[in-house]
Amino acid sequence: VLISLYVDDKKKLPENEQYVSETTGKKIKTIGNKWSDFQM
């Protein structure tokens, strides 16, 4: 099963799904931010 996660996807996350990264301390606002943070 292929799961392709796009780390540069600029679509905004819903407000209730945005968070501050434990890894970088940055605000995770987009889908791409989420998967990039997930990878790190």
PDB file of all heavy atoms in Angstrom:
ATOM      1  N   VAL A   1       0.878  -1.174   0.000  1.00  0.00           N
ATOM      2  CA  VAL A   1       0.000   0.000   0.000  1.00  0.00           C
ATOM      3  C   VAL A   1       0.914   1.224   0.000  1.00  0.00           C
ATOM      4  O   VAL A   1       1.749   1.381   0.889  1.00  0.00           O
ATOM      5  CB  VAL A   1      -0.920   0.016   1.240  1.00  0.00           C
ATOM      6  CG1 VAL A   1      -1.705   1.324   1.296  1.00  0.00           C
ATOM      7  CG2 VAL A   1      -1.867  -1.177   1.209  1.00  0.00           C
ATOM      8  N   LEU A   2       0.785   2.056  -1.021  1.00  0.00           N
ATOM      9  CA  LEU A   2       1.646   3.234  -1.151  1.00  0.00           C
ATOM     10  C   LEU A   2       1.035   4.417  -0.411  1.00  0.00           C
ATOM     11  O   LEU A   2      -0.124   4.773  -0.639  1.00  0.00           O
ATOM     12  CB  LEU A   2       1.828   3.583  -2.630  1.00  0.00           C
ATOM     13  CG  LEU A   2       2.615   4.863  -2.942  1.00  0.00           C
ATOM     14  CD1 LEU A   2       4.054   4.761  -2.446  1.00  0.00           C
ATOM     15  CD2 LEU A   2       2.588   5.164  -4.444  1.00  0.00           C
ATOM     16  N   ILE A   3       1.827   5.014   0.479  1.00  0.00           N
ATOM     17  CA  ILE A   3       1.423   6.247   1.162  1.00  0.00           C
ATOM     18  C   ILE A   3       2.429   7.327   0.780  1.00  0.00           C
ATOM     19  O   ILE A   3       3.595   7.265   1.169  1.00  0.00           O
ATOM     20  CB  ILE A   3       1.381   6.071   2.694  1.00  0.00           C
ATOM     21  CG1 ILE A   3       0.424   4.946   3.089  1.00  0.00           C
ATOM     22  CG2 ILE A   3       0.966   7.382   3.368  1.00  0.00           C
ATOM     23  CD1 ILE A   3       0.372   4.677   4.591  1.00  0.00           C
ATOM     24  N   SER A   4       1.997   8.291  -0.005  1.00  0.00           N
ATOM     25  CA  SER A   4       2.856   9.386  -0.449  1.00  0.00           C
ATOM     26  C   SER A   4       2.505  10.649   0.323  1.00  0.00           C
ATOM     27  O   SER A   4       1.396  11.176   0.192  1.00  0.00           O
ATOM     28  CB  SER A   4       2.686   9.622  -1.957  1.00  0.00           C
ATOM     29  OG  SER A   4       3.148   8.512  -2.696  1.00  0.00           O
ATOM     30  N   LEU A   5       3.443  11.126   1.118  1.00  0.00           N
ATOM     31  CA  LEU A   5       3.219  12.306   1.951  1.00  0.00           C
ATOM     32  C   LEU A   5       4.003  13.484   1.372  1.00  0.00           C
ATOM     33  O   LEU A   5       5.237  13.443   1.290  1.00  0.00           O
ATOM     34  CB  LEU A   5       3.654  12.025   3.394  1.00  0.00           C
ATOM     35  CG  LEU A   5       2.995  10.796   4.052  1.00  0.00           C
ATOM     36  CD1 LEU A   5       3.512  10.609   5.472  1.00  0.00           C
ATOM     37  CD2 LEU A   5       1.477  10.922   4.056  1.00  0.00           C
ATOM     38  N   TYR A   6       3.277  14.522   0.955  1.00  0.00           N
ATOM     39  CA  TYR A   6       3.884  15.680   0.288  1.00  0.00           C
ATOM     40  C   TYR A   6       4.284  16.732   1.319  1.00  0.00           C
ATOM     41  O   TYR A   6       3.430  17.361   1.940  1.00  0.00           O
ATOM     42  CB  TYR A   6       2.920  16.264  -0.738  1.00  0.00           C
ATOM     43  CG  TYR A   6       2.735  15.375  -1.946  1.00  0.00           C
ATOM     44  CD1 TYR A   6       1.844  14.307  -1.924  1.00  0.00           C
ATOM     45  CD2 TYR A   6       3.468  15.594  -3.109  1.00  0.00           C
ATOM     46  CE1 TYR A   6       1.688  13.469  -3.029  1.00  0.00           C
ATOM     47  CE2 TYR A   6       3.315  14.769  -4.222  1.00  0.00           C
ATOM     48  CZ  TYR A   6       2.430  13.716  -4.168  1.00  0.00           C
ATOM     49  OH  TYR A   6       2.282  12.886  -5.253  1.00  0.00           O
ATOM     50  N   VAL A   7       5.596  16.930   1.452  1.00  0.00           N
ATOM     51  CA  VAL A   7       6.092  17.827   2.501  1.00  0.00           C
ATOM     52  C   VAL A   7       6.015  19.296   2.102  1.00  0.00           C
ATOM     53  O   VAL A   7       6.314  20.176   2.922  1.00  0.00           O
ATOM     54  CB  VAL A   7       7.538  17.469   2.898  1.00  0.00           C
ATOM     55  CG1 VAL A   7       7.633  16.036   3.381  1.00  0.00           C
ATOM     56  CG2 VAL A   7       8.500  17.701   1.728  1.00  0.00           C
ATOM     57  N   ASP A   8       5.637  19.584   0.842  1.00  0.00           N
ATOM     58  CA  ASP A   8       5.526  20.986   0.414  1.00  0.00           C
ATOM     59  C   ASP A   8       4.083  21.365   0.070  1.00  0.00           C
ATOM     60  O   ASP A   8       3.846  22.367  -0.599  1.00  0.00           O
ATOM     61  CB  ASP A   8       6.454  21.279  -0.769  1.00  0.00           C
ATOM     62  CG  ASP A   8       6.228  20.341  -1.952  1.00  0.00           C
ATOM     63  OD1 ASP A   8       5.330  19.481  -1.865  1.00  0.00           O
ATOM     64  OD2 ASP A   8       6.955  20.460  -2.959  1.00  0.00           O
ATOM     65  N   ASP A   9       3.123  20.569   0.541  1.00  0.00           N
ATOM     66  CA  ASP A   9       1.709  20.871   0.311  1.00  0.00           C
ATOM     67  C   ASP A   9       1.320  22.107   1.119  1.00  0.00           C
ATOM     68  O   ASP A   9       1.451  22.127   2.351  1.00  0.00           O
ATOM     69  CB  ASP A   9       0.854  19.671   0.735  1.00  0.00           C
ATOM     70  CG  ASP A   9      -0.591  19.774   0.268  1.00  0.00           C
ATOM     71  OD1 ASP A   9      -1.096  20.913   0.145  1.00  0.00           O
ATOM     72  OD2 ASP A   9      -1.226  18.729   0.055  1.00  0.00           O
ATOM     73  N   LYS A  10       0.859  23.154   0.427  1.00  0.00           N
ATOM     74  CA  LYS A  10       0.581  24.433   1.078  1.00  0.00           C
ATOM     75  C   LYS A  10      -0.857  24.575   1.590  1.00  0.00           C
ATOM     76  O   LYS A  10      -1.225  25.645   2.083  1.00  0.00           O
ATOM     77  CB  LYS A  10       0.871  25.590   0.109  1.00  0.00           C
ATOM     78  CG  LYS A  10       2.328  25.690  -0.308  1.00  0.00           C
ATOM     79  CD  LYS A  10       3.249  25.934   0.869  1.00  0.00           C
ATOM     80  CE  LYS A  10       4.697  26.103   0.430  1.00  0.00           C
ATOM     81  NZ  LYS A  10       5.608  26.254   1.585  1.00  0.00           N
ATOM     82  N   LYS A  11      -1.654  23.520   1.498  1.00  0.00           N
ATOM     83  CA  LYS A  11      -3.024  23.600   2.006  1.00  0.00           C
ATOM     84  C   LYS A  11      -3.005  23.775   3.522  1.00  0.00           C
ATOM     85  O   LYS A  11      -2.279  23.078   4.227  1.00  0.00           O
ATOM     86  CB  LYS A  11      -3.809  22.351   1.640  1.00  0.00           C
ATOM     87  CG  LYS A  11      -4.097  22.220   0.151  1.00  0.00           C
ATOM     88  CD  LYS A  11      -4.817  20.928  -0.145  1.00  0.00           C
ATOM     89  CE  LYS A  11      -4.971  20.725  -1.652  1.00  0.00           C
ATOM     90  NZ  LYS A  11      -5.495  19.378  -1.977  1.00  0.00           N
ATOM     91  N   LYS A  12      -3.828  24.699   3.997  1.00  0.00           N
ATOM     92  CA  LYS A  12      -3.872  25.000   5.425  1.00  0.00           C
ATOM     93  C   LYS A  12      -4.552  23.876   6.203  1.00  0.00           C
ATOM     94  O   LYS A  12      -5.549  23.307   5.756  1.00  0.00           O
ATOM     95  CB  LYS A  12      -4.634  26.309   5.669  1.00  0.00           C
ATOM     96  CG  LYS A  12      -3.896  27.558   5.224  1.00  0.00           C
ATOM     97  CD  LYS A  12      -2.846  27.965   6.236  1.00  0.00           C
ATOM     98  CE  LYS A  12      -2.230  29.323   5.867  1.00  0.00           C
ATOM     99  NZ  LYS A  12      -1.180  29.701   6.820  1.00  0.00           N
ATOM    100  N   LEU A  13      -3.995  23.574   7.348  1.00  0.00           N
ATOM    101  CA  LEU A  13      -4.655  22.657   8.268  1.00  0.00           C
ATOM    102  C   LEU A  13      -5.795  23.385   8.969  1.00  0.00           C
ATOM    103  O   LEU A  13      -5.711  24.604   9.200  1.00  0.00           O
ATOM    104  CB  LEU A  13      -3.664  22.155   9.322  1.00  0.00           C
ATOM    105  CG  LEU A  13      -2.594  21.149   8.874  1.00  0.00           C
ATOM    106  CD1 LEU A  13      -1.531  21.025   9.957  1.00  0.00           C
ATOM    107  CD2 LEU A  13      -3.215  19.785   8.586  1.00  0.00           C
ATOM    108  N   PRO A  14      -6.875  22.677   9.323  1.00  0.00           N
ATOM    109  CA  PRO A  14      -7.909  23.315  10.146  1.00  0.00           C
ATOM    110  C   PRO A  14      -7.289  23.854  11.435  1.00  0.00           C
ATOM    111  O   PRO A  14      -6.290  23.312  11.934  1.00  0.00           O
ATOM    112  CB  PRO A  14      -8.880  22.166  10.438  1.00  0.00           C
ATOM    113  CG  PRO A  14      -8.655  21.173   9.344  1.00  0.00           C
ATOM    114  CD  PRO A  14      -7.198  21.278   8.989  1.00  0.00           C
ATOM    115  N   GLU A  15      -7.857  24.915  11.960  1.00  0.00           N
ATOM    116  CA  GLU A  15      -7.307  25.557  13.154  1.00  0.00           C
ATOM    117  C   GLU A  15      -7.093  24.572  14.299  1.00  0.00           C
ATOM    118  O   GLU A  15      -6.096  24.622  15.011  1.00  0.00           O
ATOM    119  CB  GLU A  15      -8.236  26.693  13.617  1.00  0.00           C
ATOM    120  CG  GLU A  15      -8.177  27.945  12.748  1.00  0.00           C
ATOM    121  CD  GLU A  15      -6.891  28.724  12.919  1.00  0.00           C
ATOM    122  OE1 GLU A  15      -6.207  28.541  13.956  1.00  0.00           O
ATOM    123  OE2 GLU A  15      -6.551  29.507  12.008  1.00  0.00           O
ATOM    124  N   ASN A  16      -8.056  23.653  14.485  1.00  0.00           N
ATOM    125  CA  ASN A  16      -7.958  22.719  15.605  1.00  0.00           C
ATOM    126  C   ASN A  16      -6.897  21.637  15.389  1.00  0.00           C
ATOM    127  O   ASN A  16      -6.588  20.870  16.312  1.00  0.00           O
ATOM    128  CB  ASN A  16      -9.320  22.053  15.875  1.00  0.00           C
ATOM    129  CG  ASN A  16      -9.819  21.254  14.689  1.00  0.00           C
ATOM    130  OD1 ASN A  16      -9.457  21.516  13.556  1.00  0.00           O
ATOM    131  ND2 ASN A  16     -10.652  20.267  14.964  1.00  0.00           N
ATOM    132  N   GLU A  17      -6.308  21.548  14.171  1.00  0.00           N
ATOM    133  CA  GLU A  17      -5.260  20.564  13.901  1.00  0.00           C
ATOM    134  C   GLU A  17      -3.876  21.209  13.847  1.00  0.00           C
ATOM    135  O   GLU A  17      -2.876  20.503  13.725  1.00  0.00           O
ATOM    136  CB  GLU A  17      -5.541  19.832  12.581  1.00  0.00           C
ATOM    137  CG  GLU A  17      -6.785  18.956  12.627  1.00  0.00           C
ATOM    138  CD  GLU A  17      -7.012  18.202  11.331  1.00  0.00           C
ATOM    139  OE1 GLU A  17      -6.041  18.054  10.554  1.00  0.00           O
ATOM    140  OE2 GLU A  17      -8.158  17.770  11.083  1.00  0.00           O
ATOM    141  N   GLN A  18      -3.810  22.528  13.935  1.00  0.00           N
ATOM    142  CA  GLN A  18      -2.519  23.204  13.960  1.00  0.00           C
ATOM    143  C   GLN A  18      -1.886  23.055  15.339  1.00  0.00           C
ATOM    144  O   GLN A  18      -2.588  23.010  16.347  1.00  0.00           O
ATOM    145  CB  GLN A  18      -2.686  24.669  13.589  1.00  0.00           C
ATOM    146  CG  GLN A  18      -3.166  24.875  12.158  1.00  0.00           C
ATOM    147  CD  GLN A  18      -3.298  26.337  11.776  1.00  0.00           C
ATOM    148  OE1 GLN A  18      -2.758  27.220  12.452  1.00  0.00           O
ATOM    149  NE2 GLN A  18      -4.014  26.617  10.683  1.00  0.00           N
ATOM    150  N   TYR A  19      -0.547  22.975  15.349  1.00  0.00           N
ATOM    151  CA  TYR A  19       0.147  22.755  16.615  1.00  0.00           C
ATOM    152  C   TYR A  19       1.578  23.274  16.518  1.00  0.00           C
ATOM    153  O   TYR A  19       2.029  23.673  15.440  1.00  0.00           O
ATOM    154  CB  TYR A  19       0.150  21.266  16.980  1.00  0.00           C
ATOM    155  CG  TYR A  19       0.909  20.399  16.005  1.00  0.00           C
ATOM    156  CD1 TYR A  19       2.236  20.031  16.254  1.00  0.00           C
ATOM    157  CD2 TYR A  19       0.312  19.939  14.826  1.00  0.00           C
ATOM    158  CE1 TYR A  19       2.942  19.241  15.356  1.00  0.00           C
ATOM    159  CE2 TYR A  19       1.016  19.149  13.925  1.00  0.00           C
ATOM    160  CZ  TYR A  19       2.330  18.800  14.193  1.00  0.00           C
ATOM    161  OH  TYR A  19       3.022  18.025  13.303  1.00  0.00           O
ATOM    162  N   VAL A  20       2.272  23.268  17.645  1.00  0.00           N
ATOM    163  CA  VAL A  20       3.679  23.670  17.675  1.00  0.00           C
ATOM    164  C   VAL A  20       4.534  22.409  17.691  1.00  0.00           C
ATOM    165  O   VAL A  20       4.326  21.515  18.516  1.00  0.00           O
ATOM    166  CB  VAL A  20       3.988  24.550  18.899  1.00  0.00           C
ATOM    167  CG1 VAL A  20       5.484  24.867  18.970  1.00  0.00           C
ATOM    168  CG2 VAL A  20       3.187  25.845  18.850  1.00  0.00           C
ATOM    169  N   SER A  21       5.494  22.318  16.786  1.00  0.00           N
ATOM    170  CA  SER A  21       6.323  21.127  16.657  1.00  0.00           C
ATOM    171  C   SER A  21       7.223  20.921  17.868  1.00  0.00           C
ATOM    172  O   SER A  21       7.882  21.859  18.330  1.00  0.00           O
ATOM    173  CB  SER A  21       7.187  21.229  15.397  1.00  0.00           C
ATOM    174  OG  SER A  21       8.186  20.232  15.374  1.00  0.00           O
ATOM    175  N   GLU A  22       7.259  19.691  18.377  1.00  0.00           N
ATOM    176  CA  GLU A  22       8.174  19.355  19.466  1.00  0.00           C
ATOM    177  C   GLU A  22       9.617  19.303  18.962  1.00  0.00           C
ATOM    178  O   GLU A  22      10.563  19.470  19.742  1.00  0.00           O
ATOM    179  CB  GLU A  22       7.804  17.996  20.063  1.00  0.00           C
ATOM    180  CG  GLU A  22       6.436  17.948  20.723  1.00  0.00           C
ATOM    181  CD  GLU A  22       6.083  16.554  21.206  1.00  0.00           C
ATOM    182  OE1 GLU A  22       6.950  15.654  21.063  1.00  0.00           O
ATOM    183  OE2 GLU A  22       4.978  16.354  21.730  1.00  0.00           O
ATOM    184  N   THR A  23       9.778  19.057  17.660  1.00  0.00           N
ATOM    185  CA  THR A  23      11.118  18.902  17.080  1.00  0.00           C
ATOM    186  C   THR A  23      11.767  20.235  16.773  1.00  0.00           C
ATOM    187  O   THR A  23      12.938  20.466  17.099  1.00  0.00           O
ATOM    188  CB  THR A  23      11.039  18.068  15.788  1.00  0.00           C
ATOM    189  OG1 THR A  23      10.324  16.866  16.053  1.00  0.00           O
ATOM    190  CG2 THR A  23      12.428  17.735  15.274  1.00  0.00           C
ATOM    191  N   THR A  24      11.009  21.129  16.138  1.00  0.00           N
ATOM    192  CA  THR A  24      11.584  22.407  15.700  1.00  0.00           C
ATOM    193  C   THR A  24      11.098  23.613  16.500  1.00  0.00           C
ATOM    194  O   THR A  24      11.697  24.678  16.431  1.00  0.00           O
ATOM    195  CB  THR A  24      11.259  22.651  14.213  1.00  0.00           C
ATOM    196  OG1 THR A  24       9.824  22.779  14.069  1.00  0.00           O
ATOM    197  CG2 THR A  24      11.744  21.488  13.354  1.00  0.00           C
ATOM    198  N   GLY A  25       9.996  23.465  17.216  1.00  0.00           N
ATOM    199  CA  GLY A  25       9.416  24.584  17.949  1.00  0.00           C
ATOM    200  C   GLY A  25       8.632  25.542  17.081  1.00  0.00           C
ATOM    201  O   GLY A  25       8.180  26.592  17.546  1.00  0.00           O
ATOM    202  N   LYS A  26       8.432  25.182  15.802  1.00  0.00           N
ATOM    203  CA  LYS A  26       7.708  26.050  14.877  1.00  0.00           C
ATOM    204  C   LYS A  26       6.228  25.676  14.829  1.00  0.00           C
ATOM    205  O   LYS A  26       5.850  24.539  15.093  1.00  0.00           O
ATOM    206  CB  LYS A  26       8.312  25.958  13.476  1.00  0.00           C
ATOM    207  CG  LYS A  26       9.736  26.487  13.390  1.00  0.00           C
ATOM    208  CD  LYS A  26      10.267  26.361  11.966  1.00  0.00           C
ATOM    209  CE  LYS A  26      11.696  26.895  11.860  1.00  0.00           C
ATOM    210  NZ  LYS A  26      12.227  26.748  10.486  1.00  0.00           N
ATOM    211  N   LYS A  27       5.410  26.652  14.439  1.00  0.00           N
ATOM    212  CA  LYS A  27       3.980  26.417  14.295  1.00  0.00           C
ATOM    213  C   LYS A  27       3.736  25.602  13.017  1.00  0.00           C
ATOM    214  O   LYS A  27       4.199  25.961  11.943  1.00  0.00           O
ATOM    215  CB  LYS A  27       3.237  27.758  14.227  1.00  0.00           C
ATOM    216  CG  LYS A  27       1.718  27.647  14.149  1.00  0.00           C
ATOM    217  CD  LYS A  27       1.130  27.237  15.480  1.00  0.00           C
ATOM    218  CE  LYS A  27      -0.398  27.175  15.444  1.00  0.00           C
ATOM    219  NZ  LYS A  27      -1.025  28.523  15.394  1.00  0.00           N
ATOM    220  N   ILE A  28       3.009  24.521  13.152  1.00  0.00           N
ATOM    221  CA  ILE A  28       2.662  23.655  12.020  1.00  0.00           C
ATOM    222  C   ILE A  28       1.301  24.099  11.508  1.00  0.00           C
ATOM    223  O   ILE A  28       0.273  23.860  12.158  1.00  0.00           O
ATOM    224  CB  ILE A  28       2.662  22.174  12.436  1.00  0.00           C
ATOM    225  CG1 ILE A  28       4.013  21.778  13.038  1.00  0.00           C
ATOM    226  CG2 ILE A  28       2.298  21.294  11.253  1.00  0.00           C
ATOM    227  CD1 ILE A  28       5.200  21.998  12.124  1.00  0.00           C
ATOM    228  N   LYS A  29       1.303  24.758  10.340  1.00  0.00           N
ATOM    229  CA  LYS A  29       0.077  25.363   9.822  1.00  0.00           C
ATOM    230  C   LYS A  29      -0.467  24.677   8.568  1.00  0.00           C
ATOM    231  O   LYS A  29      -1.642  24.798   8.263  1.00  0.00           O
ATOM    232  CB  LYS A  29       0.322  26.844   9.489  1.00  0.00           C
ATOM    233  CG  LYS A  29       0.681  27.696  10.700  1.00  0.00           C
ATOM    234  CD  LYS A  29       0.899  29.139  10.263  1.00  0.00           C
ATOM    235  CE  LYS A  29       1.230  30.029  11.447  1.00  0.00           C
ATOM    236  NZ  LYS A  29       1.459  31.443  11.024  1.00  0.00           N
ATOM    237  N   THR A  30       0.390  23.997   7.807  1.00  0.00           N
ATOM    238  CA  THR A  30      -0.042  23.418   6.537  1.00  0.00           C
ATOM    239  C   THR A  30       0.117  21.900   6.555  1.00  0.00           C
ATOM    240  O   THR A  30       0.807  21.334   7.415  1.00  0.00           O
ATOM    241  CB  THR A  30       0.775  23.982   5.363  1.00  0.00           C
ATOM    242  OG1 THR A  30       2.136  23.536   5.487  1.00  0.00           O
ATOM    243  CG2 THR A  30       0.743  25.502   5.352  1.00  0.00           C
ATOM    244  N   ILE A  31      -0.499  21.245   5.565  1.00  0.00           N
ATOM    245  CA  ILE A  31      -0.368  19.794   5.437  1.00  0.00           C
ATOM    246  C   ILE A  31       1.097  19.420   5.207  1.00  0.00           C
ATOM    247  O   ILE A  31       1.602  18.448   5.782  1.00  0.00           O
ATOM    248  CB  ILE A  31      -1.258  19.282   4.289  1.00  0.00           C
ATOM    249  CG1 ILE A  31      -2.734  19.447   4.661  1.00  0.00           C
ATOM    250  CG2 ILE A  31      -0.949  17.832   3.951  1.00  0.00           C
ATOM    251  CD1 ILE A  31      -3.703  19.124   3.540  1.00  0.00           C
ATOM    252  N   GLY A  32       1.788  20.207   4.364  1.00  0.00           N
ATOM    253  CA  GLY A  32       3.199  19.946   4.121  1.00  0.00           C
ATOM    254  C   GLY A  32       4.033  20.056   5.388  1.00  0.00           C
ATOM    255  O   GLY A  32       4.919  19.235   5.638  1.00  0.00           O
ATOM    256  N   ASN A  33       3.759  21.099   6.202  1.00  0.00           N
ATOM    257  CA  ASN A  33       4.449  21.239   7.497  1.00  0.00           C
ATOM    258  C   ASN A  33       4.249  20.000   8.354  1.00  0.00           C
ATOM    259  O   ASN A  33       5.178  19.506   8.994  1.00  0.00           O
ATOM    260  CB  ASN A  33       3.911  22.443   8.267  1.00  0.00           C
ATOM    261  CG  ASN A  33       4.233  23.778   7.644  1.00  0.00           C
ATOM    262  OD1 ASN A  33       3.557  24.778   7.898  1.00  0.00           O
ATOM    263  ND2 ASN A  33       5.262  23.822   6.810  1.00  0.00           N
ATOM    264  N   LYS A  34       3.024  19.492   8.354  1.00  0.00           N
ATOM    265  CA  LYS A  34       2.670  18.321   9.180  1.00  0.00           C
ATOM    266  C   LYS A  34       3.490  17.099   8.789  1.00  0.00           C
ATOM    267  O   LYS A  34       4.068  16.416   9.641  1.00  0.00           O
ATOM    268  CB  LYS A  34       1.176  18.037   9.044  1.00  0.00           C
ATOM    269  CG  LYS A  34       0.701  16.794   9.781  1.00  0.00           C
ATOM    270  CD  LYS A  34      -0.775  16.549   9.509  1.00  0.00           C
ATOM    271  CE  LYS A  34      -1.258  15.250  10.157  1.00  0.00           C
ATOM    272  NZ  LYS A  34      -2.707  15.004   9.899  1.00  0.00           N
ATOM    273  N   TRP A  35       3.573  16.822   7.474  1.00  0.00           N
ATOM    274  CA  TRP A  35       4.291  15.616   7.049  1.00  0.00           C
ATOM    275  C   TRP A  35       5.799  15.796   7.149  1.00  0.00           C
ATOM    276  O   TRP A  35       6.522  14.830   7.420  1.00  0.00           O
ATOM    277  CB  TRP A  35       3.876  15.225   5.634  1.00  0.00           C
ATOM    278  CG  TRP A  35       2.418  14.909   5.500  1.00  0.00           C
ATOM    279  CD1 TRP A  35       1.553  15.351   4.540  1.00  0.00           C
ATOM    280  CD2 TRP A  35       1.628  14.079   6.372  1.00  0.00           C
ATOM    281  NE1 TRP A  35       0.290  14.859   4.751  1.00  0.00           N
ATOM    282  CE2 TRP A  35       0.302  14.073   5.866  1.00  0.00           C
ATOM    283  CE3 TRP A  35       1.897  13.348   7.533  1.00  0.00           C
ATOM    284  CZ2 TRP A  35      -0.729  13.367   6.476  1.00  0.00           C
ATOM    285  CZ3 TRP A  35       0.868  12.644   8.141  1.00  0.00           C
ATOM    286  CH2 TRP A  35      -0.419  12.647   7.618  1.00  0.00           C
ATOM    287  N   SER A  36       6.290  17.017   6.957  1.00  0.00           N
ATOM    288  CA  SER A  36       7.715  17.270   7.145  1.00  0.00           C
ATOM    289  C   SER A  36       8.093  17.070   8.609  1.00  0.00           C
ATOM    290  O   SER A  36       9.116  16.442   8.929  1.00  0.00           O
ATOM    291  CB  SER A  36       8.054  18.692   6.701  1.00  0.00           C
ATOM    292  OG  SER A  36       9.426  18.961   6.892  1.00  0.00           O
ATOM    293  N   ASP A  37       7.259  17.581   9.502  1.00  0.00           N
ATOM    294  CA  ASP A  37       7.500  17.400  10.937  1.00  0.00           C
ATOM    295  C   ASP A  37       7.388  15.928  11.323  1.00  0.00           C
ATOM    296  O   ASP A  37       8.161  15.427  12.141  1.00  0.00           O
ATOM    297  CB  ASP A  37       6.483  18.243  11.734  1.00  0.00           C
ATOM    298  CG  ASP A  37       6.736  18.196  13.222  1.00  0.00           C
ATOM    299  OD1 ASP A  37       7.860  18.555  13.646  1.00  0.00           O
ATOM    300  OD2 ASP A  37       5.816  17.795  13.971  1.00  0.00           O
ATOM    301  N   PHE A  38       6.434  15.222  10.721  1.00  0.00           N
ATOM    302  CA  PHE A  38       6.250  13.788  10.963  1.00  0.00           C
ATOM    303  C   PHE A  38       7.516  13.020  10.569  1.00  0.00           C
ATOM    304  O   PHE A  38       7.981  12.133  11.287  1.00  0.00           O
ATOM    305  CB  PHE A  38       5.046  13.296  10.167  1.00  0.00           C
ATOM    306  CG  PHE A  38       4.715  11.844  10.347  1.00  0.00           C
ATOM    307  CD1 PHE A  38       3.903  11.427  11.395  1.00  0.00           C
ATOM    308  CD2 PHE A  38       5.203  10.884   9.470  1.00  0.00           C
ATOM    309  CE1 PHE A  38       3.588  10.080  11.561  1.00  0.00           C
ATOM    310  CE2 PHE A  38       4.899   9.539   9.622  1.00  0.00           C
ATOM    311  CZ  PHE A  38       4.087   9.138  10.674  1.00  0.00           C
ATOM    312  N   GLN A  39       8.086  13.374   9.419  1.00  0.00           N
ATOM    313  CA  GLN A  39       9.305  12.706   8.956  1.00  0.00           C
ATOM    314  C   GLN A  39      10.473  12.970   9.903  1.00  0.00           C
ATOM    315  O   GLN A  39      11.230  12.049  10.247  1.00  0.00           O
ATOM    316  CB  GLN A  39       9.655  13.184   7.547  1.00  0.00           C
ATOM    317  CG  GLN A  39      10.875  12.492   6.955  1.00  0.00           C
ATOM    318  CD  GLN A  39      11.267  13.037   5.596  1.00  0.00           C
ATOM    319  OE1 GLN A  39      10.710  14.027   5.121  1.00  0.00           O
ATOM    320  NE2 GLN A  39      12.239  12.413   4.949  1.00  0.00           N
ATOM    321  N   MET A  40      10.627  14.221  10.335  1.00  0.00           N
ATOM    322  CA  MET A  40      11.735  14.558  11.229  1.00  0.00           C
ATOM    323  C   MET A  40      11.570  13.897  12.595  1.00  0.00           C
ATOM    324  O   MET A  40      12.529  13.391  13.191  1.00  0.00           O
ATOM    325  CB  MET A  40      11.848  16.071  11.376  1.00  0.00           C
ATOM    326  CG  MET A  40      12.423  16.763  10.157  1.00  0.00           C
ATOM    327  SD  MET A  40      12.770  18.516  10.435  1.00  0.00           S
ATOM    328  CE  MET A  40      11.114  19.200  10.424  1.00  0.00           C
TER     329      MET A  40
END
